[in-house]
C-alpha atoms as a PDB file:
ATOM      1  CA  UNK A   1      -6.453  12.956  -7.943  1.00  0.00           C
ATOM      2  CA  UNK A   2      -3.784  14.105  -5.865  1.00  0.00           C
ATOM      3  CA  UNK A   3      -4.070  17.778  -5.508  1.00  0.00           C
ATOM      4  CA  UNK A   4      -2.313  19.501  -8.362  1.00  0.00           C
ATOM      5  CA  UNK A   5      -0.964  16.200  -9.844  1.00  0.00           C
ATOM      6  CA  UNK A   6      -1.230  15.512 -13.387  1.00  0.00           C
ATOM      7  CA  UNK A   7      -0.035  12.177 -15.267  1.00  0.00           C
ATOM      8  CA  UNK A   8       0.547  12.050 -19.245  1.00  0.00           C
ATOM      9  CA  UNK A   9       0.774   8.605 -20.928  1.00  0.00           C
ATOM     10  CA  UNK A  10       3.891   8.841 -22.930  1.00  0.00           C
ATOM     11  CA  UNK A  11       3.749   5.416 -24.216  1.00  0.00           C
ATOM     12  CA  UNK A  12       0.911   3.272 -24.138  1.00  0.00           C
ATOM     13  CA  UNK A  13       2.243   0.228 -25.935  1.00  0.00           C
ATOM     14  CA  UNK A  14       3.939  -2.990 -25.237  1.00  0.00           C
ATOM     15  CA  UNK A  15       7.488  -4.046 -25.617  1.00  0.00           C
ATOM     16  CA  UNK A  16       7.254  -4.113 -29.836  1.00  0.00           C
ATOM     17  CA  UNK A  17       5.267  -0.840 -30.061  1.00  0.00           C
ATOM     18  CA  UNK A  18       2.400  -0.423 -32.311  1.00  0.00           C
ATOM     19  CA  UNK A  19       2.609  -0.718 -35.223  1.00  0.00           C
ATOM     20  CA  UNK A  20       4.625  -3.954 -34.765  1.00  0.00           C
ATOM     21  CA  UNK A  21       7.455  -4.347 -37.448  1.00  0.00           C
ATOM     22  CA  UNK A  22       6.492  -6.551 -40.173  1.00  0.00           C
ATOM     23  CA  UNK A  23       2.944  -7.140 -39.309  1.00  0.00           C
ATOM     24  CA  UNK A  24       0.149  -6.054 -41.416  1.00  0.00           C
ATOM     25  CA  UNK A  25      -2.810  -6.626 -39.136  1.00  0.00           C
ATOM     26  CA  UNK A  26      -5.572  -4.278 -39.163  1.00  0.00           C
ATOM     27  CA  UNK A  27      -4.319  -2.409 -36.100  1.00  0.00           C
ATOM     28  CA  UNK A  28      -0.863  -1.984 -37.499  1.00  0.00           C
ATOM     29  CA  UNK A  29      -2.264  -0.608 -40.440  1.00  0.00           C
ATOM     30  CA  UNK A  30      -4.716   1.745 -38.983  1.00  0.00           C
ATOM     31  CA  UNK A  31      -4.634   5.397 -39.352  1.00  0.00           C
ATOM     32  CA  UNK A  32      -6.309   5.652 -36.153  1.00  0.00           C
ATOM     33  CA  UNK A  33      -3.830   7.888 -34.284  1.00  0.00           C
ATOM     34  CA  UNK A  34      -4.770   6.013 -30.743  1.00  0.00           C
ATOM     35  CA  UNK A  35      -3.296   2.834 -32.064  1.00  0.00           C
ATOM     36  CA  UNK A  36      -0.148   4.308 -32.607  1.00  0.00           C
ATOM     37  CA  UNK A  37       1.728   3.360 -29.475  1.00  0.00           C
ATOM     38  CA  UNK A  38       5.326   3.831 -28.150  1.00  0.00           C
ATOM     39  CA  UNK A  39       6.703   1.931 -25.396  1.00  0.00           C
ATOM     40  CA  UNK A  40       5.412   2.389 -22.239  1.00  0.00           C
ATOM     41  CA  UNK A  41       6.156   5.187 -19.822  1.00  0.00           C
ATOM     42  CA  UNK A  42       4.542   8.058 -18.143  1.00  0.00           C
ATOM     43  CA  UNK A  43       5.366  11.725 -16.755  1.00  0.00           C
ATOM     44  CA  UNK A  44       4.059  12.727 -13.479  1.00  0.00           C
ATOM     45  CA  UNK A  45       3.866  16.683 -12.718  1.00  0.00           C
ATOM     46  CA  UNK A  46       3.280  18.864  -9.676  1.00  0.00           C
ATOM     47  CA  UNK A  47       4.610  22.165  -8.751  1.00  0.00           C
ATOM     48  CA  UNK A  48       6.603  22.601 -11.425  1.00  0.00           C
ATOM     49  CA  UNK A  49       8.625  19.478 -11.069  1.00  0.00           C
ATOM     50  CA  UNK A  50       8.384  16.664 -13.864  1.00  0.00           C
ATOM     51  CA  UNK A  51       8.908  13.075 -12.975  1.00  0.00           C
ATOM     52  CA  UNK A  52       9.349  10.488 -15.145  1.00  0.00           C
ATOM     53  CA  UNK A  53       8.223   6.660 -14.877  1.00  0.00           C
ATOM     54  CA  UNK A  54      10.620   4.510 -17.042  1.00  0.00           C
ATOM     55  CA  UNK A  55      12.996   5.627 -19.769  1.00  0.00           C
ATOM     56  CA  UNK A  56      11.472   3.619 -22.764  1.00  0.00           C
ATOM     57  CA  UNK A  57      13.607   3.009 -26.076  1.00  0.00           C
ATOM     58  CA  UNK A  58      11.332   5.725 -27.483  1.00  0.00           C
ATOM     59  CA  UNK A  59      12.046   8.381 -24.899  1.00  0.00           C
ATOM     60  CA  UNK A  60      13.475  10.941 -27.325  1.00  0.00           C
ATOM     61  CA  UNK A  61      10.391  10.759 -29.682  1.00  0.00           C
ATOM     62  CA  UNK A  62       8.299  11.065 -26.659  1.00  0.00           C
ATOM     63  CA  UNK A  63      10.062  14.339 -25.326  1.00  0.00           C
ATOM     64  CA  UNK A  64      10.117  15.719 -28.891  1.00  0.00           C
ATOM     65  CA  UNK A  65       6.351  14.662 -29.609  1.00  0.00           C
ATOM     66  CA  UNK A  66       5.163  16.019 -25.997  1.00  0.00           C
ATOM     67  CA  UNK A  67       7.354  19.122 -25.727  1.00  0.00           C
ATOM     68  CA  UNK A  68       9.233  17.623 -22.566  1.00  0.00           C
ATOM     69  CA  UNK A  69      12.259  19.671 -21.852  1.00  0.00           C
ATOM     70  CA  UNK A  70      12.811  18.848 -18.078  1.00  0.00           C
ATOM     71  CA  UNK A  71      12.686  15.875 -15.858  1.00  0.00           C
ATOM     72  CA  UNK A  72      13.781  16.347 -12.086  1.00  0.00           C
ATOM     73  CA  UNK A  73      13.787  12.464 -11.338  1.00  0.00           C
ATOM     74  CA  UNK A  74      12.713   9.127 -12.574  1.00  0.00           C
ATOM     75  CA  UNK A  75      10.863   6.258 -11.156  1.00  0.00           C
ATOM     76  CA  UNK A  76      11.954   2.922 -12.803  1.00  0.00           C
ATOM     77  CA  UNK A  77       9.192  -0.088 -12.290  1.00  0.00           C
ATOM     78  CA  UNK A  78      11.852  -2.788 -13.886  1.00  0.00           C
ATOM     79  CA  UNK A  79      14.906  -3.549 -15.581  1.00  0.00           C
ATOM     80  CA  UNK A  80      13.522  -4.815 -18.869  1.00  0.00           C
ATOM     81  CA  UNK A  81      14.809  -3.236 -22.191  1.00  0.00           C
ATOM     82  CA  UNK A  82      11.478  -1.574 -23.229  1.00  0.00           C
ATOM     83  CA  UNK A  83      11.643   0.237 -19.748  1.00  0.00           C
ATOM     84  CA  UNK A  84      15.002   1.243 -19.567  1.00  0.00           C
ATOM     85  CA  UNK A  85      16.947   1.141 -22.887  1.00  0.00           C
ATOM     86  CA  UNK A  86      16.088   5.061 -23.614  1.00  0.00           C
ATOM     87  CA  UNK A  87      18.464   5.855 -20.399  1.00  0.00           C
ATOM     88  CA  UNK A  88      20.920   7.671 -22.817  1.00  0.00           C
ATOM     89  CA  UNK A  89      18.464  10.324 -23.810  1.00  0.00           C
ATOM     90  CA  UNK A  90      18.481  11.481 -20.260  1.00  0.00           C
ATOM     91  CA  UNK A  91      21.597  13.260 -20.838  1.00  0.00           C
ATOM     92  CA  UNK A  92      19.633  16.269 -22.420  1.00  0.00           C
ATOM     93  CA  UNK A  93      17.332  16.487 -19.274  1.00  0.00           C
ATOM     94  CA  UNK A  94      19.420  16.008 -16.597  1.00  0.00           C
ATOM     95  CA  UNK A  95      20.805  19.534 -15.737  1.00  0.00           C
ATOM     96  CA  UNK A  96      24.169  20.851 -14.580  1.00  0.00           C
ATOM     97  CA  UNK A  97      26.871  18.196 -14.181  1.00  0.00           C
ATOM     98  CA  UNK A  98      27.313  19.180 -10.353  1.00  0.00           C
ATOM     99  CA  UNK A  99      23.835  18.009 -10.040  1.00  0.00           C
ATOM    100  CA  UNK A 100      23.064  14.401 -11.131  1.00  0.00           C
ATOM    101  CA  UNK A 101      19.769  13.401 -11.656  1.00  0.00           C
ATOM    102  CA  UNK A 102      18.204  11.062  -9.410  1.00  0.00           C
ATOM    103  CA  UNK A 103      16.709   7.820 -10.604  1.00  0.00           C
ATOM    104  CA  UNK A 104      14.982   5.495  -8.215  1.00  0.00           C
ATOM    105  CA  UNK A 105      13.960   2.007  -8.206  1.00  0.00           C
ATOM    106  CA  UNK A 106      14.402  -1.509  -6.264  1.00  0.00           C
ATOM    107  CA  UNK A 107      17.976  -2.772  -5.247  1.00  0.00           C
ATOM    108  CA  UNK A 108      18.499  -5.304  -8.081  1.00  0.00           C
ATOM    109  CA  UNK A 109      17.216  -2.770 -10.604  1.00  0.00           C
ATOM    110  CA  UNK A 110      19.797  -0.068  -9.349  1.00  0.00           C
ATOM    111  CA  UNK A 111      22.530  -2.503  -9.568  1.00  0.00           C
ATOM    112  CA  UNK A 112      21.695  -3.349 -13.317  1.00  0.00           C
ATOM    113  CA  UNK A 113      21.250   0.084 -14.466  1.00  0.00           C
ATOM    114  CA  UNK A 114      24.742   1.059 -12.741  1.00  0.00           C
ATOM    115  CA  UNK A 115      26.530  -1.945 -14.348  1.00  0.00           C
ATOM    116  CA  UNK A 116      24.758  -1.921 -17.804  1.00  0.00           C
ATOM    117  CA  UNK A 117      25.207   1.617 -18.038  1.00  0.00           C
ATOM    118  CA  UNK A 118      28.401   2.179 -16.046  1.00  0.00           C
ATOM    119  CA  UNK A 119      29.420   5.488 -17.830  1.00  0.00           C
ATOM    120  CA  UNK A 120      26.046   7.089 -16.628  1.00  0.00           C
ATOM    121  CA  UNK A 121      26.728   6.668 -12.939  1.00  0.00           C
ATOM    122  CA  UNK A 122      30.866   7.196 -13.079  1.00  0.00           C
ATOM    123  CA  UNK A 123      32.056  10.220 -11.520  1.00  0.00           C
ATOM    124  CA  UNK A 124      30.385  13.274 -12.551  1.00  0.00           C
ATOM    125  CA  UNK A 125      33.919  15.099 -12.777  1.00  0.00           C
ATOM    126  CA  UNK A 126      34.377  13.094 -16.163  1.00  0.00           C
ATOM    127  CA  UNK A 127      33.878  15.056 -19.139  1.00  0.00           C
ATOM    128  CA  UNK A 128      31.706  13.975 -22.272  1.00  0.00           C
ATOM    129  CA  UNK A 129      28.036  14.563 -23.200  1.00  0.00           C
ATOM    130  CA  UNK A 130      26.529  11.743 -21.208  1.00  0.00           C
ATOM    131  CA  UNK A 131      23.719  11.258 -18.733  1.00  0.00           C
ATOM    132  CA  UNK A 132      24.685  12.048 -15.197  1.00  0.00           C
ATOM    133  CA  UNK A 133      22.624  10.137 -12.896  1.00  0.00           C
ATOM    134  CA  UNK A 134      22.664   8.728  -9.167  1.00  0.00           C
ATOM    135  CA  UNK A 135      21.142   5.615  -8.392  1.00  0.00           C
ATOM    136  CA  UNK A 136      18.517   5.687  -5.292  1.00  0.00           C
ATOM    137  CA  UNK A 137      17.551   2.573  -3.698  1.00  0.00           C
ATOM    138  CA  UNK A 138      13.761   2.495  -2.861  1.00  0.00           C
ATOM    139  CA  UNK A 139      13.415   0.658   0.393  1.00  0.00           C
ATOM    140  CA  UNK A 140       9.831   2.008   0.987  1.00  0.00           C
ATOM    141  CA  UNK A 141       7.725   5.253   1.022  1.00  0.00           C
ATOM    142  CA  UNK A 142       9.638   8.235  -0.067  1.00  0.00           C
ATOM    143  CA  UNK A 143       9.201  11.932  -0.317  1.00  0.00           C
ATOM    144  CA  UNK A 144       9.903  13.807  -3.563  1.00  0.00           C
ATOM    145  CA  UNK A 145       9.288  17.365  -4.178  1.00  0.00           C
ATOM    146  CA  UNK A 146       7.052  17.517  -1.299  1.00  0.00           C
ATOM    147  CA  UNK A 147       4.696  14.303  -2.219  1.00  0.00           C
ATOM    148  CA  UNK A 148       4.616  11.038  -1.022  1.00  0.00           C
ATOM    149  CA  UNK A 149       5.553   8.113  -3.278  1.00  0.00           C
ATOM    150  CA  UNK A 150       4.536   4.734  -2.204  1.00  0.00           C
ATOM    151  CA  UNK A 151       6.033   1.845  -4.045  1.00  0.00           C
ATOM    152  CA  UNK A 152       3.629  -0.986  -4.959  1.00  0.00           C
ATOM    153  CA  UNK A 153       5.354  -4.387  -5.252  1.00  0.00           C
ATOM    154  CA  UNK A 154       4.079  -6.333  -8.417  1.00  0.00           C
ATOM    155  CA  UNK A 155       4.372  -9.884  -9.784  1.00  0.00           C
ATOM    156  CA  UNK A 156       5.641  -9.857 -13.159  1.00  0.00           C
ATOM    157  CA  UNK A 157       5.493 -13.663 -14.228  1.00  0.00           C
ATOM    158  CA  UNK A 158       8.314 -15.082 -12.244  1.00  0.00           C
ATOM    159  CA  UNK A 159      10.065 -11.838 -11.563  1.00  0.00           C
ATOM    160  CA  UNK A 160       8.849  -8.406  -9.657  1.00  0.00           C
ATOM    161  CA  UNK A 161       8.162  -4.959 -10.825  1.00  0.00           C
ATOM    162  CA  UNK A 162       7.351  -1.589  -9.021  1.00  0.00           C
ATOM    163  CA  UNK A 163       4.252   0.148  -9.538  1.00  0.00           C
ATOM    164  CA  UNK A 164       3.785   3.796  -7.830  1.00  0.00           C
ATOM    165  CA  UNK A 165       0.979   5.473  -5.953  1.00  0.00           C
ATOM    166  CA  UNK A 166       0.872   9.392  -5.473  1.00  0.00           C
ATOM    167  CA  UNK A 167      -2.432  10.420  -3.539  1.00  0.00           C
ATOM    168  CA  UNK A 168      -5.456   8.715  -5.215  1.00  0.00           C
ATOM    169  CA  UNK A 169      -3.209   8.043  -8.493  1.00  0.00           C
ATOM    170  CA  UNK A 170      -1.690   4.614  -9.108  1.00  0.00           C
ATOM    171  CA  UNK A 171       0.561   3.379 -11.847  1.00  0.00           C
ATOM    172  CA  UNK A 172       0.876  -0.237 -12.430  1.00  0.00           C
ATOM    173  CA  UNK A 173       2.609  -1.572 -15.370  1.00  0.00           C
ATOM    174  CA  UNK A 174       4.086  -5.069 -16.216  1.00  0.00           C
ATOM    175  CA  UNK A 175       2.062  -7.226 -13.550  1.00  0.00           C
ATOM    176  CA  UNK A 176       0.445 -10.371 -13.700  1.00  0.00           C
ATOM    177  CA  UNK A 177      -0.345 -10.507 -10.135  1.00  0.00           C
ATOM    178  CA  UNK A 178      -0.319  -8.008  -7.285  1.00  0.00           C
ATOM    179  CA  UNK A 179       0.416  -9.496  -3.517  1.00  0.00           C
ATOM    180  CA  UNK A 180      -2.166  -8.919  -0.739  1.00  0.00           C
ATOM    181  CA  UNK A 181       0.244  -6.541   0.906  1.00  0.00           C
ATOM    182  CA  UNK A 182       0.389  -4.270  -2.191  1.00  0.00           C
ATOM    183  CA  UNK A 183      -3.494  -4.467  -2.528  1.00  0.00           C
ATOM    184  CA  UNK A 184      -3.676  -2.661   0.938  1.00  0.00           C
ATOM    185  CA  UNK A 185      -1.478  -0.139  -0.376  1.00  0.00           C
ATOM    186  CA  UNK A 186      -3.960   0.419  -3.319  1.00  0.00           C
ATOM    187  CA  UNK A 187      -7.500   1.166  -1.446  1.00  0.00           C
ATOM    188  CA  UNK A 188      -9.191   4.451  -1.987  1.00  0.00           C
ATOM    189  CA  UNK A 189      -7.779   5.118  -5.385  1.00  0.00           C
ATOM    190  CA  UNK A 190      -9.704   7.541  -7.663  1.00  0.00           C
ATOM    191  CA  UNK A 191      -7.394   6.784 -10.803  1.00  0.00           C
ATOM    192  CA  UNK A 192      -5.874   3.475 -11.698  1.00  0.00           C
ATOM    193  CA  UNK A 193      -3.328   2.963 -14.427  1.00  0.00           C
ATOM    194  CA  UNK A 194      -2.805  -0.805 -15.055  1.00  0.00           C
ATOM    195  CA  UNK A 195      -1.433  -3.213 -17.307  1.00  0.00           C
ATOM    196  CA  UNK A 196      -3.928  -4.770 -19.702  1.00  0.00           C
ATOM    197  CA  UNK A 197      -1.563  -6.101 -22.754  1.00  0.00           C
ATOM    198  CA  UNK A 198      -4.265  -8.192 -24.796  1.00  0.00           C
ATOM    199  CA  UNK A 199      -7.676  -9.886 -24.459  1.00  0.00           C
ATOM    200  CA  UNK A 200      -5.927 -13.653 -24.416  1.00  0.00           C
ATOM    201  CA  UNK A 201      -4.093 -14.543 -21.167  1.00  0.00           C
ATOM    202  CA  UNK A 202      -0.490 -14.227 -21.061  1.00  0.00           C
ATOM    203  CA  UNK A 203       2.120 -15.520 -18.376  1.00  0.00           C
ATOM    204  CA  UNK A 204       3.513 -12.180 -17.243  1.00  0.00           C
ATOM    205  CA  UNK A 205       1.000  -9.503 -17.930  1.00  0.00           C
ATOM    206  CA  UNK A 206      -2.852  -9.097 -16.756  1.00  0.00           C
ATOM    207  CA  UNK A 207      -5.438  -9.743 -19.636  1.00  0.00           C
ATOM    208  CA  UNK A 208      -7.936  -6.882 -20.221  1.00  0.00           C
ATOM    209  CA  UNK A 209     -10.538  -8.990 -18.226  1.00  0.00           C
ATOM    210  CA  UNK A 210      -7.797  -9.810 -15.622  1.00  0.00           C
ATOM    211  CA  UNK A 211      -6.895  -5.921 -15.151  1.00  0.00           C
ATOM    212  CA  UNK A 212     -10.835  -4.919 -15.104  1.00  0.00           C
ATOM    213  CA  UNK A 213     -11.618  -7.739 -12.564  1.00  0.00           C
ATOM    214  CA  UNK A 214      -8.832  -6.263 -10.271  1.00  0.00           C
ATOM    215  CA  UNK A 215      -9.349  -3.014 -10.651  1.00  0.00           C
ATOM    216  CA  UNK A 216     -13.210  -3.506  -9.621  1.00  0.00           C
ATOM    217  CA  UNK A 217     -12.276  -5.339  -6.220  1.00  0.00           C
ATOM    218  CA  UNK A 218     -10.416  -2.144  -5.739  1.00  0.00           C
ATOM    219  CA  UNK A 219     -13.349   0.017  -6.533  1.00  0.00           C
ATOM    220  CA  UNK A 220     -11.265   2.488  -8.460  1.00  0.00           C
ATOM    221  CA  UNK A 221     -13.331   5.317  -9.802  1.00  0.00           C
ATOM    222  CA  UNK A 222     -11.597   5.471 -13.079  1.00  0.00           C
ATOM    223  CA  UNK A 223      -9.526   2.672 -14.927  1.00  0.00           C
ATOM    224  CA  UNK A 224      -6.855   3.114 -17.802  1.00  0.00           C
ATOM    225  CA  UNK A 225      -5.038   0.046 -19.425  1.00  0.00           C
ATOM    226  CA  UNK A 226      -1.826   0.277 -20.820  1.00  0.00           C
ATOM    227  CA  UNK A 227       0.894  -1.690 -22.258  1.00  0.00           C
ATOM    228  CA  UNK A 228      -1.371  -2.409 -25.131  1.00  0.00           C
ATOM    229  CA  UNK A 229      -0.263  -4.842 -27.830  1.00  0.00           C
ATOM    230  CA  UNK A 230      -1.633  -4.927 -31.684  1.00  0.00           C
ATOM    231  CA  UNK A 231      -4.581  -6.919 -30.386  1.00  0.00           C
ATOM    232  CA  UNK A 232      -6.266  -3.896 -29.206  1.00  0.00           C
ATOM    233  CA  UNK A 233      -7.922  -1.513 -31.744  1.00  0.00           C
ATOM    234  CA  UNK A 234      -9.125   1.841 -29.842  1.00  0.00           C
ATOM    235  CA  UNK A 235     -11.912   2.514 -31.729  1.00  0.00           C
ATOM    236  CA  UNK A 236     -13.424  -0.961 -32.039  1.00  0.00           C
ATOM    237  CA  UNK A 237     -12.954  -2.134 -28.620  1.00  0.00           C
ATOM    238  CA  UNK A 238     -13.117   1.042 -26.355  1.00  0.00           C
ATOM    239  CA  UNK A 239     -17.171   0.702 -26.860  1.00  0.00           C
ATOM    240  CA  UNK A 240     -17.050  -2.817 -25.477  1.00  0.00           C
ATOM    241  CA  UNK A 241     -15.316  -1.954 -22.076  1.00  0.00           C
ATOM    242  CA  UNK A 242     -17.366  -1.062 -18.801  1.00  0.00           C
ATOM    243  CA  UNK A 243     -18.211   2.763 -18.508  1.00  0.00           C
ATOM    244  CA  UNK A 244     -15.307   3.677 -16.017  1.00  0.00           C
ATOM    245  CA  UNK A 245     -12.566   1.737 -17.948  1.00  0.00           C
ATOM    246  CA  UNK A 246     -10.819   3.091 -21.085  1.00  0.00           C
ATOM    247  CA  UNK A 247      -7.480   2.148 -23.164  1.00  0.00           C
ATOM    248  CA  UNK A 248      -4.631   4.421 -22.570  1.00  0.00           C
ATOM    249  CA  UNK A 249      -3.268   6.084 -25.684  1.00  0.00           C
ATOM    250  CA  UNK A 250      -0.069   8.145 -26.187  1.00  0.00           C
ATOM    251  CA  UNK A 251      -0.486  11.871 -25.054  1.00  0.00           C
ATOM    252  CA  UNK A 252      -3.287  11.238 -22.861  1.00  0.00           C
ATOM    253  CA  UNK A 253      -3.612  13.416 -19.689  1.00  0.00           C
ATOM    254  CA  UNK A 254      -5.335  13.067 -16.490  1.00  0.00           C
ATOM    255  CA  UNK A 255      -5.554  16.341 -14.561  1.00  0.00           C
ATOM    256  CA  UNK A 256      -8.123  16.619 -11.619  1.00  0.00           C
ATOM    257  CA  UNK A 257     -11.087  15.307 -13.099  1.00  0.00           C
ATOM    258  CA  UNK A 258     -10.597  15.644 -16.609  1.00  0.00           C
ATOM    259  CA  UNK A 259      -8.558  14.271 -19.368  1.00  0.00           C
ATOM    260  CA  UNK A 260      -7.269  15.481 -22.736  1.00  0.00           C
ATOM    261  CA  UNK A 261      -4.862  14.677 -25.594  1.00  0.00           C
ATOM    262  CA  UNK A 262      -1.950  17.097 -26.097  1.00  0.00           C
END
């Protein structure tokens, strides 16, 4: 992995989270902690800086569960509710009023956030306990706290989303296909975190087998499937995966060549 970069999976679940409200399936009733999935997000850390990927509706609880008290920037993948609707919780993480927190994403996403959550992007001179954010459109590769961040364009059904690469780590959630120009940006990966919603096909997400097939074409050394539905039983299904592939779970950390739970 990129020297000194760690990634923590804050949320490994699909848009409903797991357990699903009102569901009594075996996974939703399971006491296995790795089957309890908050909405999808992750935290990249290096050199004392912490970069959040998406602000899920579960952001508050994720911060409490994992001791997160600092976020220095946010990378957004797309504007769906399960990836942005925790944005108000950034107000306790965005530092001083004269230094708004930079949030990065595609132009359409930044426009959406600035319109839907206007109060968070308004003049910093206004009073009130609210997020103080600055939208930054990602046109291409950017430098962030001394690291190169490579945006990866993904197809999410009929829509698009962004994945991100830092060194030999890539995080690709909410995707059903990867354009060829993006495949070229994903060569030489050591760790690939990728959407693997369920075992059956889905119109806007990779299935488990589709994600594995794509990862094998890239020859990624380690593959972590995230954005998991309640179709996936960690204890039952993990043992059926290829040796280099694993299911994500909330709290999973990758640092250098080791993984652990916080």
